[in-house]
Protein backbone atom coordinates (compact mmCIF):
# COMPACT_ATOMS: atom_id res chain seq x y z
CA MET A 1 -49.91 -40.88 -9.39
CA GLN A 2 -52.16 -38.05 -8.68
CA LEU A 3 -51.45 -35.78 -5.63
CA THR A 4 -54.28 -34.28 -3.67
CA PRO A 5 -54.36 -30.46 -3.19
CA GLU A 6 -53.29 -30.95 0.56
CA GLU A 7 -50.36 -33.08 -0.48
CA ARG A 8 -49.28 -30.72 -3.08
CA GLN A 9 -49.56 -27.76 -0.41
CA ARG A 10 -47.41 -29.84 2.00
CA ILE A 11 -44.70 -30.47 -0.50
CA TYR A 12 -44.66 -26.88 -1.50
CA GLU A 13 -44.40 -25.83 2.08
CA GLU A 14 -41.64 -28.33 2.80
CA GLU A 15 -39.54 -27.19 -0.33
CA LYS A 16 -40.14 -23.56 0.44
CA ALA A 17 -38.78 -24.11 4.04
CA ARG A 18 -35.84 -26.00 2.67
CA ILE A 19 -34.97 -23.23 0.05
CA GLU A 20 -35.38 -20.51 2.75
CA ALA A 21 -33.07 -22.38 5.30
CA GLN A 22 -30.40 -22.81 2.53
CA ILE A 23 -30.65 -18.99 1.85
CA GLU A 24 -30.33 -18.19 5.38
CA VAL A 25 -27.22 -20.38 5.76
CA GLU A 26 -25.63 -18.88 2.56
CA GLY A 27 -26.42 -15.28 3.87
CA GLN A 28 -24.64 -16.14 7.10
CA THR A 29 -21.85 -17.55 5.10
CA MET A 30 -21.57 -14.19 3.13
CA ALA A 31 -21.80 -12.11 6.38
CA GLU A 32 -18.93 -14.35 7.82
CA ARG A 33 -16.88 -13.63 4.67
CA ALA A 34 -17.45 -10.03 4.67
CA LYS A 35 -16.35 -9.79 8.38
CA HIS A 36 -12.88 -11.23 7.48
CA ALA A 37 -12.47 -9.57 4.02
CA TRP A 38 -9.34 -7.24 3.68
CA LYS A 39 -10.60 -3.68 3.99
CA PRO A 40 -8.75 -1.27 1.21
CA TRP A 41 -6.70 0.63 3.95
CA GLU A 42 -5.54 -2.77 5.28
CA VAL A 43 -4.20 -3.80 1.87
CA ALA A 44 -2.66 -0.36 1.50
CA ALA A 45 -0.88 -0.62 4.96
CA VAL A 46 0.40 -4.03 3.77
CA VAL A 47 1.74 -2.67 0.62
CA ILE A 48 3.53 0.39 2.38
CA SER A 49 5.02 -2.04 5.07
CA VAL A 50 6.44 -4.22 2.31
CA LEU A 51 7.84 -1.34 0.45
CA VAL A 52 9.49 0.17 3.66
CA LEU A 53 11.15 -3.30 4.30
CA LEU A 54 12.27 -3.74 0.87
CA SER A 55 13.86 -0.23 1.00
CA LEU A 56 15.62 -1.13 4.34
CA LEU A 57 16.94 -4.20 2.66
CA ALA A 58 18.05 -2.59 -0.49
CA GLY A 59 19.27 0.74 0.98
CA PRO A 60 22.92 1.52 1.13
CA LEU A 61 23.41 0.11 4.49
CA GLY A 62 20.81 -2.80 4.15
CA LEU A 63 21.47 -6.51 3.63
CA PHE A 64 21.96 -6.02 -0.12
CA ALA A 65 24.10 -2.99 0.11
CA ARG A 66 26.12 -2.06 -2.84
CA ARG A 67 29.19 0.04 -2.94
CA ILE A 68 28.56 3.67 -3.42
CA PRO A 69 30.88 5.14 -5.96
CA PRO A 70 32.76 8.28 -4.87
CA THR A 71 31.41 11.60 -6.38
CA LEU A 72 32.96 14.92 -6.65
CA GLY A 73 31.66 17.74 -4.65
CA GLY A 74 29.57 17.90 -1.50
CA PRO A 75 26.62 15.97 -0.21
CA VAL A 76 23.43 15.30 -2.37
CA VAL A 77 21.21 16.01 0.55
CA THR A 78 21.71 17.67 3.88
CA SER A 79 19.85 17.60 7.16
CA TYR A 80 18.75 21.30 6.33
CA GLU A 81 17.08 20.20 3.20
CA PHE A 82 15.55 17.17 4.75
CA SER A 83 14.03 19.50 7.59
CA ARG A 84 12.34 21.60 4.79
CA ILE A 85 10.54 18.73 3.24
CA VAL A 86 7.14 18.06 4.58
CA ASN A 87 4.22 15.52 4.09
CA GLY A 88 1.87 16.39 1.21
CA MET A 89 4.67 17.73 -0.96
CA SER A 90 4.85 16.44 -4.64
CA TYR A 91 8.00 14.46 -5.76
CA ARG A 92 8.71 17.65 -7.94
CA GLN A 93 8.75 19.89 -4.96
CA VAL A 94 11.05 17.64 -2.96
CA VAL A 95 13.34 17.35 -6.05
CA ASP A 96 13.41 21.31 -6.23
CA ILE A 97 14.53 21.50 -2.51
CA ILE A 98 17.14 18.88 -2.81
CA GLY A 99 18.42 19.90 -6.21
CA ALA A 100 18.55 16.42 -7.60
CA GLU A 101 16.48 13.59 -8.70
CA GLY A 102 16.08 10.56 -6.25
CA GLU A 103 16.78 6.90 -7.29
CA LEU A 104 13.60 4.99 -7.53
CA ILE A 105 13.92 1.96 -5.23
CA SER A 106 10.52 0.60 -4.93
CA SER A 107 6.99 1.06 -6.35
CA GLY A 108 3.49 -0.48 -6.11
CA HIS A 109 0.06 -0.04 -7.47
CA LEU A 110 -3.18 -0.79 -5.47
CA GLU A 111 -6.21 -1.03 -7.79
CA GLY A 112 -9.12 0.85 -6.44
CA VAL A 113 -12.71 0.06 -5.71
CA ALA A 114 -15.21 2.04 -7.64
CA GLY A 115 -17.05 4.41 -5.40
CA ILE A 116 -15.01 3.34 -2.27
CA MET A 117 -11.22 4.05 -2.90
CA GLU A 118 -9.36 5.35 -5.81
CA ASP A 119 -6.18 3.71 -7.15
CA VAL A 120 -3.11 4.06 -5.01
CA ASP A 121 0.34 4.35 -6.60
CA THR A 122 3.03 4.25 -4.03
CA VAL A 123 6.69 4.83 -4.81
CA MET A 124 9.83 5.25 -2.76
CA TYR A 125 12.92 7.22 -3.68
CA GLN A 126 16.35 7.56 -1.98
CA TRP A 127 19.12 10.12 -2.10
CA VAL A 128 22.61 8.90 -1.09
CA ASN A 129 25.61 11.07 -0.13
CA PRO A 130 29.10 10.03 -0.89
CA ASP A 131 29.71 9.12 2.79
CA GLY A 132 26.63 6.85 2.88
CA SER A 133 24.17 9.18 4.67
CA ASN A 134 20.90 9.09 2.95
CA MET A 135 17.24 10.06 2.67
CA ASN A 136 14.21 8.06 1.59
CA ALA A 137 10.91 9.39 0.84
CA MET A 138 7.76 7.61 0.15
CA PHE A 139 4.99 8.99 -2.04
CA GLN A 140 1.38 7.79 -2.64
CA ASN A 141 -0.33 9.35 -5.63
CA ASP A 142 2.51 11.91 -5.83
CA ARG A 143 2.21 13.15 -2.30
CA LEU A 144 4.78 12.81 0.45
CA ILE A 145 3.51 10.45 3.01
CA ASN A 146 6.75 9.52 4.95
CA LYS A 147 10.41 10.41 4.92
CA ALA A 148 13.41 9.01 6.72
CA GLN A 149 17.13 9.84 6.93
CA LEU A 150 20.34 8.27 8.21
CA GLY A 151 23.31 10.23 9.19
CA LEU A 152 22.51 13.52 7.36
CA ARG A 153 24.51 16.59 8.42
């Protein structure tokens, strides 16, 4: 069967319109997906929230509390030392102020996106005194981003 030039042109135009409509629908679908995609800062916020929740559950007064063995001497961390610690400090600077290493209680890694966001390593340490009072510190990429204390004197 031989097609006339007009029939070929009509078939070409119909197929071109069909393909353009499909591309437009797929483009809208991709745009909708992009609207609902997780932003890197949203993922980081979720990771931090989970780490904080885990630290509360695993801390000395949390649901999974373990007995703190008695130690000799005074407290590991005091309210004075806590007050000297500020956001932006490195873990080593915090240890220098307290005078003791903390116990790593949680850690997480968020893979970065090239050209958008660098990798994010989040860790949380705790220091526990013999009386159960304590301090937690959260670091991202070795910089303090949050601290909390319970019952320090």
